[in-house]
Amino acid sequence: MPTLLSLWRKARRVSSVASRLPGSTSLRFALHGWQREQVINLNRVLRGHYAYYGIAGNFRALQKVHRLVERYWRKMLSSRSRKGSVPWEVFHRIKARFPLQRPKLYLPYPELQAIAVL
C-alpha cells in the first residue's frame, strides 16, 4: 500500500536513502515551521490520506501509516538541531500537547455493503 511519507531503507551502500513515494514531498514540506504549524499540516495530509484510503478492511494499514508518520515526525524533530535526538518521553509530551489525527474509516462496512454489487 503506498504511504504518504518517505520510508527509510538501506541502500547498497552503508548510508540510508529515502524511497520516494506519492505524497512524500507534501509531508516533507509539512515539517517546516513551529510544532503547531507542523501538526496542522501533518493532520491535513493525514485527513486526505484517511479520506482516500479509509474504506472498510483497510484500518490496519491506516494505523501503520499513522505510526510511520509519528516516527517520521520524531526523526524530523531530532534532525532540527545539533543537540541530538528527541527522546521518546519528550516526543510523547509533544504529542500530548499537539495530537496527530487518529485513523478514521470514511466508508465503514455497512455503507460498503450497501453499495456493493454482486
N, C-alpha and C. Protein backbone atom coordinates (compact mmCIF):
# COMPACT_ATOMS: atom_id res chain seq x y z
N MET A 1 0.84 -1.18 0.00
CA MET A 1 0.00 0.00 0.00
C MET A 1 0.88 1.24 0.00
N PRO A 2 0.71 2.14 -0.91
CA PRO A 2 1.53 3.35 -0.90
C PRO A 2 1.20 4.22 0.31
N THR A 3 2.23 4.79 0.90
CA THR A 3 2.05 5.65 2.05
C THR A 3 2.41 7.07 1.69
N LEU A 4 2.20 7.97 2.65
CA LEU A 4 2.44 9.37 2.39
C LEU A 4 3.85 9.82 2.69
N LEU A 5 4.62 9.03 3.30
CA LEU A 5 5.90 9.53 3.74
C LEU A 5 7.04 8.80 3.08
N SER A 6 8.20 9.35 3.22
CA SER A 6 9.40 8.72 2.69
C SER A 6 9.84 7.63 3.66
N LEU A 7 9.80 6.40 3.18
CA LEU A 7 10.25 5.30 4.03
C LEU A 7 11.76 5.17 3.89
N TRP A 8 12.39 4.89 5.03
CA TRP A 8 13.84 4.75 5.00
C TRP A 8 14.20 3.29 4.77
N ARG A 9 15.10 3.08 3.87
CA ARG A 9 15.57 1.73 3.60
C ARG A 9 17.06 1.77 3.40
N LYS A 10 17.68 0.65 3.57
CA LYS A 10 19.12 0.58 3.38
C LYS A 10 19.42 0.47 1.89
N ALA A 11 20.33 1.29 1.43
CA ALA A 11 20.77 1.23 0.05
C ALA A 11 21.87 0.18 -0.07
N ARG A 12 22.41 0.02 -1.25
CA ARG A 12 23.50 -0.93 -1.41
C ARG A 12 24.72 -0.49 -0.62
N ARG A 13 24.86 0.83 -0.47
CA ARG A 13 25.94 1.34 0.35
C ARG A 13 25.51 1.36 1.81
N VAL A 14 26.35 1.83 2.67
CA VAL A 14 26.06 1.84 4.10
C VAL A 14 25.05 2.92 4.45
N SER A 15 25.04 4.03 3.72
CA SER A 15 24.15 5.13 4.06
C SER A 15 22.70 4.81 3.72
N SER A 16 21.79 5.46 4.44
CA SER A 16 20.36 5.29 4.20
C SER A 16 19.89 6.33 3.20
N VAL A 17 18.96 5.96 2.37
CA VAL A 17 18.37 6.89 1.42
C VAL A 17 16.86 6.81 1.56
N ALA A 18 16.19 7.88 1.17
CA ALA A 18 14.73 7.92 1.28
C ALA A 18 14.13 7.37 -0.01
N SER A 19 13.20 6.46 0.15
CA SER A 19 12.44 5.97 -1.00
C SER A 19 11.32 6.95 -1.25
N ARG A 20 11.22 7.45 -2.46
CA ARG A 20 10.22 8.46 -2.75
C ARG A 20 8.91 7.78 -3.08
N LEU A 21 7.89 8.08 -2.31
CA LEU A 21 6.56 7.54 -2.53
C LEU A 21 5.60 8.69 -2.76
N PRO A 22 4.42 8.43 -3.31
CA PRO A 22 3.47 9.52 -3.56
C PRO A 22 3.15 10.30 -2.30
N GLY A 23 3.23 11.60 -2.41
CA GLY A 23 2.89 12.47 -1.29
C GLY A 23 4.04 12.74 -0.34
N SER A 24 5.21 12.17 -0.58
CA SER A 24 6.30 12.36 0.36
C SER A 24 6.80 13.80 0.36
N THR A 25 6.70 14.48 -0.77
CA THR A 25 7.15 15.88 -0.79
C THR A 25 6.22 16.75 0.04
N SER A 26 4.91 16.49 -0.02
CA SER A 26 4.00 17.29 0.80
C SER A 26 4.23 17.03 2.28
N LEU A 27 4.58 15.82 2.65
CA LEU A 27 4.86 15.53 4.05
C LEU A 27 6.15 16.19 4.49
N ARG A 28 7.15 16.17 3.63
CA ARG A 28 8.43 16.80 4.00
C ARG A 28 8.26 18.30 4.19
N PHE A 29 7.51 18.96 3.30
CA PHE A 29 7.30 20.39 3.45
C PHE A 29 6.39 20.71 4.63
N ALA A 30 5.60 19.74 5.07
CA ALA A 30 4.72 19.97 6.22
C ALA A 30 5.52 20.06 7.50
N LEU A 31 6.77 19.63 7.50
CA LEU A 31 7.55 19.58 8.73
C LEU A 31 8.45 20.79 8.92
N HIS A 32 8.21 21.87 8.21
CA HIS A 32 8.93 23.11 8.44
C HIS A 32 8.08 23.98 9.36
N GLY A 33 8.71 24.84 10.12
CA GLY A 33 7.97 25.75 10.98
C GLY A 33 7.87 25.23 12.40
N TRP A 34 7.02 25.89 13.18
CA TRP A 34 6.82 25.54 14.58
C TRP A 34 6.01 24.26 14.71
N GLN A 35 6.00 23.70 15.91
CA GLN A 35 5.32 22.43 16.13
C GLN A 35 3.82 22.54 15.87
N ARG A 36 3.21 23.65 16.24
CA ARG A 36 1.78 23.82 15.99
C ARG A 36 1.49 23.81 14.49
N GLU A 37 2.32 24.52 13.72
CA GLU A 37 2.15 24.53 12.26
C GLU A 37 2.41 23.15 11.67
N GLN A 38 3.40 22.44 12.22
CA GLN A 38 3.70 21.10 11.75
C GLN A 38 2.50 20.18 11.94
N VAL A 39 1.88 20.24 13.11
CA VAL A 39 0.74 19.36 13.40
C VAL A 39 -0.44 19.73 12.52
N ILE A 40 -0.67 21.01 12.30
CA ILE A 40 -1.77 21.42 11.40
C ILE A 40 -1.54 20.85 10.01
N ASN A 41 -0.31 20.97 9.51
CA ASN A 41 -0.01 20.46 8.17
C ASN A 41 -0.03 18.93 8.11
N LEU A 42 0.53 18.28 9.14
CA LEU A 42 0.50 16.82 9.16
C LEU A 42 -0.92 16.29 9.24
N ASN A 43 -1.76 16.92 10.05
CA ASN A 43 -3.16 16.49 10.14
C ASN A 43 -3.89 16.71 8.83
N ARG A 44 -3.55 17.76 8.12
CA ARG A 44 -4.16 17.99 6.80
C ARG A 44 -3.79 16.87 5.83
N VAL A 45 -2.52 16.47 5.85
CA VAL A 45 -2.07 15.38 4.98
C VAL A 45 -2.72 14.06 5.40
N LEU A 46 -2.77 13.81 6.72
CA LEU A 46 -3.37 12.56 7.20
C LEU A 46 -4.87 12.50 6.90
N ARG A 47 -5.58 13.62 7.06
CA ARG A 47 -7.02 13.63 6.74
C ARG A 47 -7.26 13.27 5.28
N GLY A 48 -6.46 13.82 4.39
CA GLY A 48 -6.60 13.49 2.98
C GLY A 48 -6.30 12.02 2.72
N HIS A 49 -5.29 11.49 3.38
CA HIS A 49 -4.94 10.07 3.21
C HIS A 49 -6.06 9.18 3.74
N TYR A 50 -6.59 9.52 4.92
CA TYR A 50 -7.67 8.73 5.50
C TYR A 50 -8.93 8.82 4.65
N ALA A 51 -9.19 9.98 4.07
CA ALA A 51 -10.38 10.13 3.23
C ALA A 51 -10.27 9.29 1.97
N TYR A 52 -9.07 9.16 1.42
CA TYR A 52 -8.90 8.40 0.19
C TYR A 52 -8.82 6.90 0.44
N TYR A 53 -8.04 6.50 1.46
CA TYR A 53 -7.82 5.08 1.71
C TYR A 53 -8.69 4.54 2.85
N GLY A 54 -9.53 5.35 3.45
CA GLY A 54 -10.30 4.94 4.62
C GLY A 54 -11.55 4.16 4.29
N ILE A 55 -11.38 2.99 3.71
CA ILE A 55 -12.52 2.12 3.42
C ILE A 55 -12.46 0.91 4.35
N ALA A 56 -13.56 0.22 4.46
CA ALA A 56 -13.65 -0.95 5.34
C ALA A 56 -12.60 -1.98 4.93
N GLY A 57 -11.96 -2.57 5.92
CA GLY A 57 -10.94 -3.57 5.66
C GLY A 57 -9.54 -2.99 5.52
N ASN A 58 -9.41 -1.69 5.61
CA ASN A 58 -8.11 -1.05 5.42
C ASN A 58 -7.64 -0.35 6.69
N PHE A 59 -8.29 -0.62 7.81
CA PHE A 59 -7.98 0.13 9.03
C PHE A 59 -6.58 -0.18 9.56
N ARG A 60 -6.16 -1.43 9.47
CA ARG A 60 -4.83 -1.79 9.96
C ARG A 60 -3.74 -1.06 9.18
N ALA A 61 -3.92 -0.92 7.88
CA ALA A 61 -2.96 -0.19 7.07
C ALA A 61 -2.95 1.30 7.44
N LEU A 62 -4.13 1.84 7.76
CA LEU A 62 -4.19 3.24 8.19
C LEU A 62 -3.47 3.43 9.52
N GLN A 63 -3.57 2.45 10.41
CA GLN A 63 -2.84 2.52 11.68
C GLN A 63 -1.33 2.49 11.46
N LYS A 64 -0.90 1.68 10.50
CA LYS A 64 0.53 1.64 10.17
C LYS A 64 1.01 2.98 9.64
N VAL A 65 0.21 3.60 8.78
CA VAL A 65 0.57 4.91 8.25
C VAL A 65 0.67 5.92 9.39
N HIS A 66 -0.28 5.89 10.31
CA HIS A 66 -0.26 6.81 11.45
C HIS A 66 1.01 6.62 12.27
N ARG A 67 1.37 5.38 12.53
CA ARG A 67 2.58 5.09 13.31
C ARG A 67 3.83 5.53 12.57
N LEU A 68 3.88 5.31 11.25
CA LEU A 68 5.04 5.73 10.47
C LEU A 68 5.17 7.25 10.43
N VAL A 69 4.04 7.95 10.35
CA VAL A 69 4.09 9.41 10.37
C VAL A 69 4.60 9.90 11.72
N GLU A 70 4.18 9.25 12.81
CA GLU A 70 4.71 9.61 14.13
C GLU A 70 6.22 9.44 14.18
N ARG A 71 6.69 8.30 13.72
CA ARG A 71 8.14 8.05 13.74
C ARG A 71 8.88 9.05 12.86
N TYR A 72 8.34 9.34 11.70
CA TYR A 72 8.98 10.28 10.78
C TYR A 72 9.00 11.68 11.38
N TRP A 73 7.92 12.07 12.06
CA TRP A 73 7.87 13.38 12.70
C TRP A 73 8.92 13.48 13.79
N ARG A 74 9.07 12.43 14.60
CA ARG A 74 10.10 12.43 15.64
C ARG A 74 11.49 12.52 15.02
N LYS A 75 11.71 11.80 13.92
CA LYS A 75 13.00 11.84 13.25
C LYS A 75 13.30 13.24 12.74
N MET A 76 12.28 13.92 12.19
CA MET A 76 12.48 15.28 11.70
C MET A 76 12.70 16.26 12.84
N LEU A 77 12.00 16.07 13.97
CA LEU A 77 12.25 16.92 15.13
C LEU A 77 13.67 16.71 15.66
N SER A 78 14.15 15.49 15.57
CA SER A 78 15.50 15.19 16.04
C SER A 78 16.57 15.80 15.14
N SER A 79 16.26 15.97 13.88
CA SER A 79 17.26 16.47 12.94
C SER A 79 17.30 17.98 12.88
N ARG A 80 16.48 18.67 13.67
CA ARG A 80 16.41 20.12 13.59
C ARG A 80 17.50 20.82 14.37
N SER A 81 18.21 20.13 15.23
CA SER A 81 19.27 20.77 15.99
C SER A 81 20.46 19.83 16.08
N ARG A 82 21.55 20.36 16.57
CA ARG A 82 22.75 19.55 16.74
C ARG A 82 22.81 18.89 18.10
N LYS A 83 21.79 19.08 18.91
CA LYS A 83 21.79 18.54 20.26
C LYS A 83 21.59 17.03 20.29
N GLY A 84 21.14 16.47 19.21
CA GLY A 84 20.90 15.03 19.18
C GLY A 84 19.43 14.74 18.99
N SER A 85 19.06 13.52 19.30
CA SER A 85 17.69 13.10 19.04
C SER A 85 16.75 13.56 20.14
N VAL A 86 15.48 13.60 19.79
CA VAL A 86 14.42 13.91 20.76
C VAL A 86 14.05 12.59 21.44
N PRO A 87 14.20 12.49 22.76
CA PRO A 87 13.83 11.24 23.44
C PRO A 87 12.33 10.97 23.30
N TRP A 88 11.97 9.70 23.42
CA TRP A 88 10.57 9.33 23.27
C TRP A 88 9.69 9.97 24.34
N GLU A 89 10.21 10.17 25.55
CA GLU A 89 9.42 10.79 26.60
C GLU A 89 9.06 12.23 26.22
N VAL A 90 10.03 12.95 25.68
CA VAL A 90 9.78 14.34 25.24
C VAL A 90 8.82 14.33 24.06
N PHE A 91 9.00 13.39 23.16
CA PHE A 91 8.12 13.32 21.99
C PHE A 91 6.69 13.01 22.41
N HIS A 92 6.50 12.15 23.42
CA HIS A 92 5.14 11.85 23.89
C HIS A 92 4.50 13.08 24.53
N ARG A 93 5.29 13.91 25.19
CA ARG A 93 4.75 15.17 25.73
C ARG A 93 4.35 16.12 24.60
N ILE A 94 5.14 16.17 23.54
CA ILE A 94 4.80 17.00 22.38
C ILE A 94 3.52 16.49 21.74
N LYS A 95 3.42 15.14 21.62
CA LYS A 95 2.21 14.54 21.05
C LYS A 95 0.98 14.80 21.90
N ALA A 96 1.15 14.82 23.21
CA ALA A 96 0.00 15.09 24.08
C ALA A 96 -0.46 16.53 23.93
N ARG A 97 0.48 17.41 23.70
CA ARG A 97 0.12 18.83 23.52
C ARG A 97 -0.44 19.10 22.13
N PHE A 98 0.15 18.47 21.12
CA PHE A 98 -0.27 18.65 19.72
C PHE A 98 -0.55 17.28 19.12
N PRO A 99 -1.76 16.72 19.33
CA PRO A 99 -2.02 15.35 18.86
C PRO A 99 -2.20 15.26 17.35
N LEU A 100 -1.74 14.13 16.81
CA LEU A 100 -1.98 13.81 15.40
C LEU A 100 -3.36 13.17 15.27
N GLN A 101 -3.96 13.36 14.12
CA GLN A 101 -5.29 12.81 13.90
C GLN A 101 -5.21 11.28 13.82
N ARG A 102 -6.11 10.63 14.53
CA ARG A 102 -6.16 9.17 14.55
C ARG A 102 -6.80 8.66 13.26
N PRO A 103 -6.50 7.42 12.87
CA PRO A 103 -7.12 6.86 11.67
C PRO A 103 -8.64 6.78 11.78
N LYS A 104 -9.31 7.02 10.67
CA LYS A 104 -10.77 7.02 10.65
C LYS A 104 -11.24 6.39 9.35
N LEU A 105 -12.27 5.54 9.45
CA LEU A 105 -12.86 4.95 8.26
C LEU A 105 -13.94 5.89 7.72
N TYR A 106 -13.81 6.28 6.49
CA TYR A 106 -14.81 7.15 5.87
C TYR A 106 -15.89 6.33 5.16
N LEU A 107 -15.61 5.05 4.93
CA LEU A 107 -16.60 4.16 4.33
C LEU A 107 -16.61 2.86 5.13
N PRO A 108 -17.40 2.80 6.23
CA PRO A 108 -17.42 1.60 7.07
C PRO A 108 -18.14 0.44 6.39
N TYR A 109 -18.13 -0.72 7.04
CA TYR A 109 -18.69 -1.94 6.46
C TYR A 109 -20.15 -1.82 6.04
N PRO A 110 -21.07 -1.28 6.86
CA PRO A 110 -22.47 -1.23 6.42
C PRO A 110 -22.67 -0.39 5.15
N GLU A 111 -21.97 0.71 5.05
CA GLU A 111 -22.10 1.54 3.85
C GLU A 111 -21.45 0.85 2.65
N LEU A 112 -20.34 0.13 2.90
CA LEU A 112 -19.70 -0.59 1.80
C LEU A 112 -20.59 -1.71 1.28
N GLN A 113 -21.29 -2.40 2.19
CA GLN A 113 -22.19 -3.47 1.77
C GLN A 113 -23.39 -2.90 1.01
N ALA A 114 -23.82 -1.70 1.36
CA ALA A 114 -24.97 -1.10 0.69
C ALA A 114 -24.66 -0.77 -0.76
N ILE A 115 -23.41 -0.41 -1.06
CA ILE A 115 -23.08 -0.05 -2.44
C ILE A 115 -22.45 -1.17 -3.23
N ALA A 116 -22.15 -2.30 -2.55
CA ALA A 116 -21.53 -3.43 -3.24
C ALA A 116 -22.55 -4.11 -4.15
N VAL A 117 -22.10 -4.45 -5.32
CA VAL A 117 -22.95 -5.15 -6.29
C VAL A 117 -22.39 -6.53 -6.50
N LEU A 118 -23.23 -7.52 -6.33
CA LEU A 118 -22.78 -8.91 -6.51
C LEU A 118 -23.10 -9.40 -7.87
